[in-house]
Protein backbone atom coordinates (compact mmCIF):
# COMPACT_ATOMS: atom_id res chain seq x y z
CA MET A 1 5.35 -2.25 -8.27
CA ILE A 2 5.76 -5.69 -9.86
CA GLY A 3 6.59 -4.84 -13.47
CA GLY A 4 10.09 -3.77 -14.47
CA ARG A 5 11.14 -0.22 -15.31
CA ASP A 6 9.84 -0.37 -18.89
CA SER A 7 6.68 -2.39 -18.24
CA SER A 8 3.37 -1.10 -19.55
CA GLU A 9 1.62 1.60 -17.56
CA ALA A 10 -1.65 -0.07 -18.57
CA ALA A 11 -0.81 -3.30 -16.72
CA ARG A 12 -2.79 -4.55 -13.73
CA ASP A 13 -0.37 -3.77 -10.96
CA PRO A 14 -0.33 -1.76 -7.72
CA ARG A 15 1.17 1.67 -8.40
CA GLY A 16 3.54 3.19 -5.90
CA PHE A 17 2.52 6.59 -4.53
CA ALA A 18 5.36 8.21 -2.60
CA VAL A 19 5.89 11.86 -1.66
CA LYS A 20 9.03 13.48 -0.22
CA PHE A 21 8.39 16.54 1.96
CA TYR A 22 11.39 18.86 2.27
CA THR A 23 10.45 20.33 5.67
CA GLU A 24 12.24 22.82 7.91
CA ASP A 25 13.03 19.92 10.27
CA GLY A 26 14.40 17.63 7.57
CA ASN A 27 12.87 15.28 5.03
CA TRP A 28 9.71 13.27 5.56
CA ASP A 29 8.82 10.44 3.17
CA LEU A 30 5.21 9.27 2.91
CA VAL A 31 5.49 5.98 1.05
CA GLY A 32 2.45 4.03 -0.12
CA ASN A 33 0.54 2.97 -3.19
CA ASN A 34 -2.70 3.58 -5.09
CA LEU A 35 -4.69 0.89 -3.26
CA GLY A 36 -5.67 1.30 0.38
CA VAL A 37 -4.57 -2.13 1.63
CA PHE A 38 -1.85 -4.73 0.99
CA PHE A 39 -1.59 -8.48 0.33
CA ILE A 40 0.02 -9.47 3.63
CA ARG A 41 0.21 -8.16 7.19
CA ASP A 42 3.56 -9.65 8.27
CA ALA A 43 6.75 -8.40 6.65
CA ILE A 44 8.44 -11.80 6.93
CA LYS A 45 6.24 -12.94 4.01
CA PHE A 46 7.20 -10.01 1.80
CA PRO A 47 9.79 -11.92 -0.27
CA ASP A 48 7.25 -14.70 -0.86
CA VAL A 49 4.43 -12.47 -2.09
CA ILE A 50 6.82 -10.63 -4.41
CA HIS A 51 8.21 -13.92 -5.75
CA ALA A 52 4.67 -15.17 -6.44
CA LEU A 53 3.76 -11.98 -8.30
CA LYS A 54 7.03 -11.75 -10.25
CA PRO A 55 7.75 -13.86 -13.36
CA ASP A 56 8.52 -17.57 -13.09
CA PRO A 57 12.28 -17.91 -12.40
CA VAL A 58 12.54 -20.60 -15.10
CA THR A 59 10.40 -19.24 -17.94
CA PHE A 60 10.36 -15.55 -16.90
CA GLU A 61 6.59 -15.45 -17.49
CA GLN A 62 4.19 -13.93 -14.99
CA GLN A 63 1.65 -16.69 -14.40
CA PRO A 64 -1.75 -16.61 -12.67
CA ARG A 65 -1.19 -20.17 -11.46
CA ARG A 66 1.79 -18.99 -9.39
CA ILE A 67 0.02 -15.89 -8.11
CA PHE A 68 -3.12 -17.72 -6.99
CA ASP A 69 -1.22 -20.71 -5.66
CA PHE A 70 0.19 -18.26 -3.09
CA MET A 71 -3.01 -16.28 -2.63
CA SER A 72 -5.10 -19.42 -2.10
CA GLN A 73 -3.01 -20.08 1.01
CA THR A 74 -3.09 -16.44 2.14
CA PRO A 75 -6.66 -15.48 3.14
CA GLU A 76 -5.56 -12.05 4.37
CA ALA A 77 -4.94 -11.17 0.69
CA MET A 78 -8.66 -11.31 -0.24
CA HIS A 79 -9.26 -7.61 0.43
CA MET A 80 -6.32 -6.60 -1.78
CA LEU A 81 -7.37 -9.01 -4.54
CA VAL A 82 -10.89 -7.55 -4.61
CA ASN A 83 -9.33 -4.12 -5.13
CA LEU A 84 -6.52 -5.11 -7.50
CA PHE A 85 -8.64 -7.17 -9.91
CA SER A 86 -11.33 -4.50 -10.06
CA PRO A 87 -10.86 -1.55 -12.44
CA ARG A 88 -9.01 0.25 -9.61
CA GLY A 89 -6.12 -2.07 -10.42
CA ILE A 90 -5.63 -0.20 -13.73
CA PRO A 91 -5.85 3.58 -13.17
CA ALA A 92 -6.65 5.55 -16.33
CA ASP A 93 -3.64 7.78 -15.63
CA TYR A 94 -1.76 9.26 -12.70
CA ARG A 95 -3.85 12.44 -12.55
CA HIS A 96 -6.95 10.41 -11.69
CA MET A 97 -5.32 8.03 -9.23
CA GLN A 98 -5.72 7.90 -5.46
CA GLY A 99 -2.79 7.43 -3.12
CA PHE A 100 -2.63 5.83 0.32
CA GLY A 101 -0.08 5.50 3.10
CA VAL A 102 -1.61 2.01 3.62
CA ASN A 103 0.11 1.45 6.97
CA THR A 104 -0.85 2.99 10.30
CA TYR A 105 1.41 5.76 11.56
CA LYS A 106 1.52 7.89 14.74
CA TRP A 107 1.38 11.56 15.53
CA VAL A 108 3.08 12.71 18.74
CA ASP A 109 2.29 16.03 20.44
CA ALA A 110 4.56 18.15 22.64
CA GLU A 111 3.27 16.47 25.81
CA GLY A 112 3.96 12.96 24.53
CA GLY A 113 0.34 12.18 23.63
CA THR A 114 -0.08 9.98 20.57
CA LYS A 115 -2.72 9.36 17.91
CA LEU A 116 -2.86 6.61 15.31
CA VAL A 117 -3.25 8.01 11.78
CA LYS A 118 -3.82 6.86 8.21
CA TYR A 119 -3.01 9.02 5.18
CA HIS A 120 -4.99 9.30 1.93
CA TRP A 121 -4.36 11.33 -1.24
CA MET A 122 -7.52 12.22 -3.16
CA PRO A 123 -7.19 13.53 -6.74
CA ARG A 124 -9.11 16.76 -7.22
CA ALA A 125 -9.88 15.65 -10.80
CA GLY A 126 -11.74 12.57 -9.55
CA VAL A 127 -10.98 8.87 -9.89
CA ARG A 128 -10.90 7.25 -13.32
CA SER A 129 -10.07 3.61 -14.08
CA MET A 130 -9.97 1.16 -17.00
CA THR A 131 -11.22 -2.32 -17.73
CA GLU A 132 -8.78 -4.86 -19.12
CA GLU A 133 -10.24 -4.21 -22.60
CA ASP A 134 -9.68 -0.46 -22.27
CA ALA A 135 -6.14 -1.06 -21.03
CA ALA A 136 -5.36 -3.39 -23.93
CA ASN A 137 -6.45 -0.70 -26.39
CA VAL A 138 -4.20 1.84 -24.65
CA GLN A 139 -1.26 -0.55 -24.58
CA ALA A 140 -1.59 -1.23 -28.29
CA ASP A 141 -0.40 2.32 -28.92
CA SER A 142 1.81 3.16 -25.95
CA LEU A 143 3.56 1.57 -22.99
CA GLY A 144 4.00 4.88 -21.19
CA HIS A 145 0.68 6.64 -21.69
CA ALA A 146 0.31 7.77 -18.07
CA THR A 147 3.70 9.48 -17.86
CA LYS A 148 3.09 11.13 -21.24
CA ASP A 149 -0.31 12.36 -20.01
CA LEU A 150 1.29 13.82 -16.90
CA TYR A 151 3.98 15.71 -18.81
CA GLU A 152 1.48 17.07 -21.33
CA SER A 153 -0.99 18.11 -18.63
CA VAL A 154 1.64 20.11 -16.73
CA ALA A 155 2.93 21.65 -19.97
CA ARG A 156 -0.62 22.88 -20.72
CA GLY A 157 -0.78 24.51 -17.31
CA GLU A 158 -3.37 22.01 -16.07
CA HIS A 159 -1.57 21.17 -12.85
CA PRO A 160 -2.86 18.00 -11.14
CA GLU A 161 -3.87 18.38 -7.50
CA TRP A 162 -4.34 15.92 -4.67
CA GLU A 163 -5.92 16.66 -1.30
CA LEU A 164 -4.22 15.06 1.70
CA LEU A 165 -6.71 13.51 4.11
CA VAL A 166 -5.92 12.05 7.53
CA GLN A 167 -7.92 9.60 9.62
CA MET A 168 -7.20 9.68 13.35
CA MET A 169 -7.80 7.18 16.15
CA ASP A 170 -6.85 7.10 19.82
CA ASP A 171 -3.64 5.15 20.33
CA GLY A 172 -4.67 1.86 21.91
CA GLU A 173 -5.83 -1.69 21.23
CA HIS A 174 -9.50 -0.83 20.52
CA PRO A 175 -11.17 -4.11 21.54
CA GLU A 176 -14.50 -2.68 20.42
CA LEU A 177 -13.43 -2.97 16.77
CA ASP A 178 -13.77 -6.21 14.79
CA PHE A 179 -10.34 -5.62 13.22
CA ASP A 180 -6.88 -4.62 14.39
CA PRO A 181 -6.24 -0.93 13.55
CA LEU A 182 -2.59 -1.79 12.84
CA ASP A 183 -3.52 -4.41 10.22
CA ASP A 184 -2.52 -3.16 6.77
CA THR A 185 -5.05 -5.49 5.08
CA LYS A 186 -7.83 -3.37 6.63
CA THR A 187 -9.20 0.13 6.21
CA TRP A 188 -10.85 2.22 8.91
CA PRO A 189 -14.60 2.84 8.40
CA GLU A 190 -14.88 6.49 7.47
CA GLN A 191 -18.24 7.07 9.15
CA ASP A 192 -16.49 6.30 12.49
CA PHE A 193 -13.09 7.81 11.67
CA PRO A 194 -13.81 10.62 9.20
CA PRO A 195 -10.93 11.71 6.94
CA LYS A 196 -9.90 15.28 7.70
CA PRO A 197 -8.30 17.51 5.05
CA VAL A 198 -4.90 18.81 6.12
CA GLY A 199 -3.50 20.21 2.87
CA LYS A 200 -3.06 19.70 -0.84
CA MET A 201 -0.28 18.89 -3.29
CA VAL A 202 -0.01 20.61 -6.68
CA LEU A 203 2.24 19.15 -9.36
CA ASN A 204 3.38 22.29 -11.17
CA ARG A 205 6.59 21.09 -12.80
CA MET A 206 8.15 17.87 -14.05
CA PRO A 207 11.76 16.68 -13.57
CA GLU A 208 14.37 18.56 -15.58
CA ASN A 209 16.27 15.28 -15.89
CA PHE A 210 14.25 12.08 -15.51
CA PHE A 211 17.12 9.92 -14.27
CA ALA A 212 18.52 12.43 -11.77
CA GLU A 213 15.20 13.42 -10.21
CA ASN A 214 13.03 10.36 -10.74
CA GLU A 215 15.14 7.21 -11.03
CA GLN A 216 17.49 8.27 -8.24
CA ILE A 217 14.93 9.62 -5.80
CA SER A 218 14.92 7.33 -2.78
CA PHE A 219 12.16 6.83 -0.24
CA GLY A 220 11.93 5.11 3.13
CA THR A 221 9.17 4.75 5.69
CA GLY A 222 11.70 5.50 8.45
CA VAL A 223 12.44 8.97 7.01
CA LEU A 224 10.47 11.03 9.53
CA VAL A 225 10.59 14.33 11.38
CA ASP A 226 9.81 15.16 15.00
CA GLY A 227 6.15 14.64 15.81
CA LEU A 228 5.68 11.92 13.18
CA ASP A 229 6.33 8.32 14.09
CA PHE A 230 5.61 4.78 12.94
CA SER A 231 3.28 2.46 14.82
CA ASP A 232 3.75 -1.19 15.78
CA ASP A 233 2.16 -2.25 12.48
CA LYS A 234 4.21 -5.40 11.76
CA MET A 235 4.39 -4.70 8.04
CA LEU A 236 5.49 -1.10 8.60
CA VAL A 237 8.24 -2.13 11.01
CA GLY A 238 9.61 -4.53 8.39
CA ARG A 239 9.43 -1.89 5.66
CA THR A 240 11.24 0.60 7.88
CA PHE A 241 14.15 -1.81 8.32
CA SER A 242 14.40 -2.73 4.64
CA TYR A 243 13.82 0.40 2.58
CA SER A 244 17.02 2.28 3.41
CA ASP A 245 19.09 -0.86 2.78
CA THR A 246 17.33 -1.20 -0.57
CA GLN A 247 18.30 2.34 -1.54
CA ARG A 248 21.94 1.76 -0.58
CA HIS A 249 21.95 -1.26 -2.88
CA ARG A 250 19.95 0.35 -5.70
CA VAL A 251 21.47 3.84 -5.81
CA GLY A 252 24.61 3.66 -3.66
CA PRO A 253 25.83 4.06 -0.08
CA ASN A 254 25.77 7.85 -0.33
CA TYR A 255 22.33 8.16 -1.94
CA LEU A 256 21.33 10.75 0.68
CA GLN A 257 23.94 13.15 -0.73
CA LEU A 258 22.18 13.38 -4.08
CA PRO A 259 20.33 16.70 -4.48
CA VAL A 260 16.93 15.01 -4.91
CA ASN A 261 17.38 13.12 -1.62
CA HIS A 262 19.24 15.72 0.42
CA ALA A 263 17.36 17.99 2.83
CA LYS A 264 16.64 21.31 1.12
CA ASN A 265 15.22 23.32 4.02
CA ALA A 266 17.12 21.98 7.03
CA ASP A 267 20.75 21.92 8.11
CA VAL A 268 21.99 18.32 8.23
CA ARG A 269 24.98 17.47 10.41
CA THR A 270 26.24 13.90 10.71
CA ASN A 271 29.50 12.07 11.26
CA GLN A 272 29.04 9.92 8.16
CA ARG A 273 32.14 9.97 5.99
CA ASP A 274 33.58 8.40 2.85
CA GLY A 275 32.18 5.48 0.87
CA GLN A 276 31.67 5.08 -2.84
CA MET A 277 30.72 8.23 -4.80
CA THR A 278 31.16 10.64 -1.88
CA TYR A 279 31.05 14.24 -3.11
CA HIS A 280 29.70 16.13 -0.11
CA VAL A 281 30.58 16.20 3.58
CA ASP A 282 27.94 17.25 6.08
CA GLY A 283 28.77 20.20 8.27
CA GLY A 284 30.68 19.00 11.32
CA GLY A 285 31.88 20.54 14.55
CA GLU A 286 34.78 22.91 15.13
CA SER A 287 37.38 20.31 14.19
CA PRO A 288 37.05 18.43 10.87
CA SER A 289 39.29 15.72 12.38
CA VAL A 290 36.61 14.71 14.89
CA ASN A 291 34.00 12.56 13.17
CA TYR A 292 32.69 10.83 16.27
CA GLU A 293 30.53 11.67 19.27
CA PRO A 294 30.96 12.31 22.18
CA SER A 295 34.09 14.44 22.14
CA ILE A 296 35.56 17.39 24.10
CA THR A 297 37.86 18.44 21.26
CA GLY A 298 35.49 20.17 18.89
CA GLY A 299 33.18 17.48 17.57
CA LEU A 300 29.41 17.46 17.09
CA ARG A 301 27.04 17.10 20.01
CA GLU A 302 24.01 14.83 19.72
CA GLY A 303 20.87 16.93 19.40
CA ARG A 304 18.22 16.75 22.09
CA TYR A 305 15.11 14.94 20.94
CA PRO A 306 12.19 17.32 21.53
CA ALA A 307 9.61 14.65 22.34
CA HIS A 308 9.08 12.67 25.54
CA ASP A 309 10.96 9.43 26.09
CA GLU A 310 7.74 7.94 27.42
CA GLN A 311 4.88 8.37 24.98
CA GLY A 312 1.74 6.54 24.00
CA PRO A 313 -0.09 3.86 26.00
CA GLU A 314 1.71 1.59 28.45
CA ILE A 315 2.04 -1.92 27.06
CA ARG A 316 2.41 -5.05 29.20
CA GLY A 317 2.67 -8.59 27.90
CA ARG A 318 4.90 -11.27 26.47
CA LEU A 319 6.74 -10.65 23.22
CA THR A 320 5.84 -13.52 20.90
CA ARG A 321 5.98 -14.38 17.22
CA LYS A 322 2.48 -15.30 16.09
CA ARG A 323 -0.53 -14.05 14.15
CA ILE A 324 -2.58 -11.15 15.41
CA PRO A 325 -5.80 -12.40 17.09
CA ARG A 326 -8.27 -10.30 15.05
CA THR A 327 -7.57 -11.40 11.48
CA ASN A 328 -11.16 -11.18 10.13
CA ASP A 329 -9.93 -11.78 6.59
CA TYR A 330 -13.23 -11.82 4.68
CA GLN A 331 -15.55 -9.13 6.05
CA GLN A 332 -14.00 -5.99 4.57
CA ALA A 333 -13.35 -7.73 1.25
CA GLY A 334 -17.06 -8.56 1.04
CA GLN A 335 -18.11 -5.07 2.07
CA ARG A 336 -15.82 -3.58 -0.55
CA TYR A 337 -17.38 -5.79 -3.24
CA LEU A 338 -20.91 -4.70 -2.32
CA LEU A 339 -19.96 -1.01 -2.24
CA MET A 340 -18.47 -1.12 -5.74
CA GLU A 341 -20.34 0.25 -8.70
CA GLN A 342 -22.00 -2.44 -10.82
CA TRP A 343 -19.55 -2.07 -13.71
CA GLU A 344 -16.69 -2.52 -11.26
CA ARG A 345 -18.22 -5.72 -9.85
CA ASP A 346 -18.79 -7.13 -13.32
CA ASP A 347 -15.23 -6.38 -14.34
CA LEU A 348 -13.85 -7.86 -11.11
CA VAL A 349 -15.70 -11.14 -11.68
CA LYS A 350 -14.55 -11.30 -15.30
CA ASN A 351 -10.92 -10.64 -14.38
CA LEU A 352 -10.78 -13.13 -11.51
CA THR A 353 -12.56 -15.82 -13.49
CA GLY A 354 -10.21 -15.37 -16.44
CA ALA A 355 -7.10 -15.51 -14.29
CA LEU A 356 -8.28 -18.50 -12.24
CA ALA A 357 -9.15 -20.39 -15.42
CA GLU A 358 -5.40 -20.73 -15.96
CA CYS A 359 -4.86 -22.30 -12.53
CA ASP A 360 -4.87 -25.90 -11.34
CA ARG A 361 -8.18 -27.27 -10.08
CA PRO A 362 -7.18 -27.40 -6.35
CA VAL A 363 -6.21 -23.71 -6.50
CA GLN A 364 -9.50 -22.86 -8.24
CA GLU A 365 -11.51 -24.69 -5.60
CA ARG A 366 -9.73 -23.04 -2.69
CA MET A 367 -10.16 -19.58 -4.23
CA VAL A 368 -13.88 -20.23 -4.81
CA TRP A 369 -14.10 -21.31 -1.15
CA HIS A 370 -12.46 -18.03 -0.09
CA PHE A 371 -14.66 -15.87 -2.32
CA LEU A 372 -17.84 -17.59 -1.09
CA LEU A 373 -16.79 -16.57 2.42
CA VAL A 374 -16.00 -13.05 1.18
CA GLU A 375 -19.43 -12.50 -0.37
CA ASN A 376 -21.91 -15.01 -1.70
CA ASP A 377 -22.62 -13.24 -5.00
CA LEU A 378 -18.92 -12.87 -5.78
CA GLY A 379 -18.15 -16.51 -5.03
CA LEU A 380 -21.15 -17.86 -6.95
CA ARG A 381 -20.38 -15.82 -10.07
CA ILE A 382 -16.73 -16.90 -10.12
CA ALA A 383 -17.67 -20.51 -9.37
CA GLU A 384 -20.13 -20.54 -12.26
CA GLY A 385 -17.46 -19.22 -14.63
CA LEU A 386 -15.10 -22.00 -13.57
CA GLY A 387 -17.68 -24.79 -13.59
CA ILE A 388 -17.46 -25.29 -9.83
CA THR A 389 -20.39 -25.51 -7.39
CA PRO A 390 -20.49 -24.64 -3.68
CA GLU A 391 -20.99 -28.35 -3.01
CA ASP A 392 -17.65 -29.07 -4.68
CA VAL A 393 -15.81 -26.98 -2.09
CA ALA A 394 -18.05 -27.28 0.96
CA GLU A 395 -15.95 -30.05 2.50
CA LEU A 396 -12.69 -28.12 2.33
CA GLU A 397 -11.25 -27.53 5.79
CA PRO A 398 -10.06 -24.08 6.87
CA LEU A 399 -6.35 -23.57 6.33
CA ALA A 400 -4.13 -24.50 9.25
CA SER A 401 -2.71 -20.97 9.13
CA GLN A 402 -6.05 -19.15 9.51
CA ASP A 403 -8.40 -18.36 12.35
CA LEU A 404 -12.07 -18.06 11.39
CA THR A 405 -14.39 -15.68 13.22
CA GLU A 406 -17.76 -16.86 14.49
CA GLU A 407 -19.37 -15.12 11.53
CA ASP A 408 -16.96 -16.92 9.16
CA ARG A 409 -17.91 -20.29 10.67
CA ASP A 410 -21.58 -19.50 10.30
CA ARG A 411 -21.06 -18.52 6.67
CA LEU A 412 -19.03 -21.69 6.13
CA ALA A 413 -21.94 -23.76 7.47
CA HIS A 414 -24.19 -22.15 4.82
CA LEU A 415 -21.62 -21.90 2.03
CA GLY A 416 -23.23 -20.64 -1.17
CA LYS A 417 -26.48 -19.72 0.59
CA ASN A 418 -25.51 -16.70 2.69
CA PRO A 419 -27.41 -13.41 2.33
CA PRO A 420 -25.55 -10.23 1.33
CA ARG A 421 -23.61 -8.50 4.07
CA ASP A 422 -25.20 -5.43 5.60
CA VAL A 423 -23.35 -2.35 4.34
CA GLU A 424 -26.01 0.26 5.15
CA GLY A 425 -24.37 3.43 6.49
CA LEU A 426 -20.87 2.09 5.82
CA THR A 427 -18.33 4.33 4.09
CA MET A 428 -15.11 2.56 3.15
CA THR A 429 -11.83 3.95 1.89
CA HIS A 430 -11.82 3.76 -1.93
CA CYS A 431 -15.61 4.11 -2.11
CA VAL A 432 -15.65 7.27 -4.18
CA PRO A 433 -17.14 7.54 -7.67
CA ASP A 434 -15.02 5.74 -10.25
CA GLU A 435 -15.47 6.87 -13.85
CA ARG A 436 -14.68 4.33 -16.53
CA HIS A 437 -12.11 5.58 -19.05
CA VAL A 438 -13.41 4.00 -22.23
CA VAL A 439 -10.80 3.45 -24.94
CA ASN A 440 -11.75 2.12 -28.39
CA ARG A 441 -9.56 1.19 -31.34
């Protein structure tokens, strides 16, 4: 997601995971990535997080000091950092990589009833990841090892498969939960909201022309069909506004006319005309001169939407611009750390310590403060690697932009001395066996 087109496929970087369904009702795009959460929960900060992760605008060098300068002031990013800097941040290849919708979506039935849903893609071949050392050994020989592996696997007839799993939740505020179900920095505990298999995807051929079918394919979270909807997830709403504009800029104003983006199994009729690179005109009404609606002289008629105008729970309140009340930025990050395999935890500590060693001391101290609140063992191990003690950061005040829970405040009062979180009986998204892909040179 952060590296350019020709960046190494062995880099530590979230991988996009997007699927276009050519349905009988039109196209549906399920757009996500290989990690189950994201850095931020409010789309207005999207340019900032991307700028922090991208190369320095002066030196064009990606720098940990820039990344963690931003992250140290963004406590909601802790869950994503624990995932990204673990081996899951460097998948061994695409065949052994999970995919996630990340955001919360909605399903709507014929009566107007709604359910909140989360989507997960699980590779049938299992999950396999690399340490930074393994990745460096791969990168020494190839920048595009994962794409090469995918082409060769399909050519051998070993077609990769992913099972599509869906978590469902009643559409509502759920005050009984200690997190907001629309928060994209959180996952839903699977023992309470079990993932249900709904189908599978088999990759049985590769693009005949890489540019035409891969570079020009265009996705958007607002590309939906009847019965599928987006929720009020603030990040998802922002993505839905921006993605189609991005494709118009990247590919062109008529990107939907390209064969890879055009509906294959549904009849599309619009009044859109002209623009750069037009080569196809959607079927219109009786008169080709009428490209507007309404009309009584042979134009198109707007289709009737099959769902109810009134759907989902009734919402009353004041529309404001502020943080969600249930931020709870540290709990799931700590749970995720404890549910990792030991080799994953060791690699996570090594990676974070190495990256933070390149940062300024105030950034190091704030990140140690965050990680001590995430999980004591994680924070202590990173602090030791940086030569920082809990006493060095104990007097730091919470950020003005964050709201601590009662548990957070209790942990802050005992910083560096907290017992491990209780994860008995907890099943989190991502917590499936992760095989290390060892690469030697």
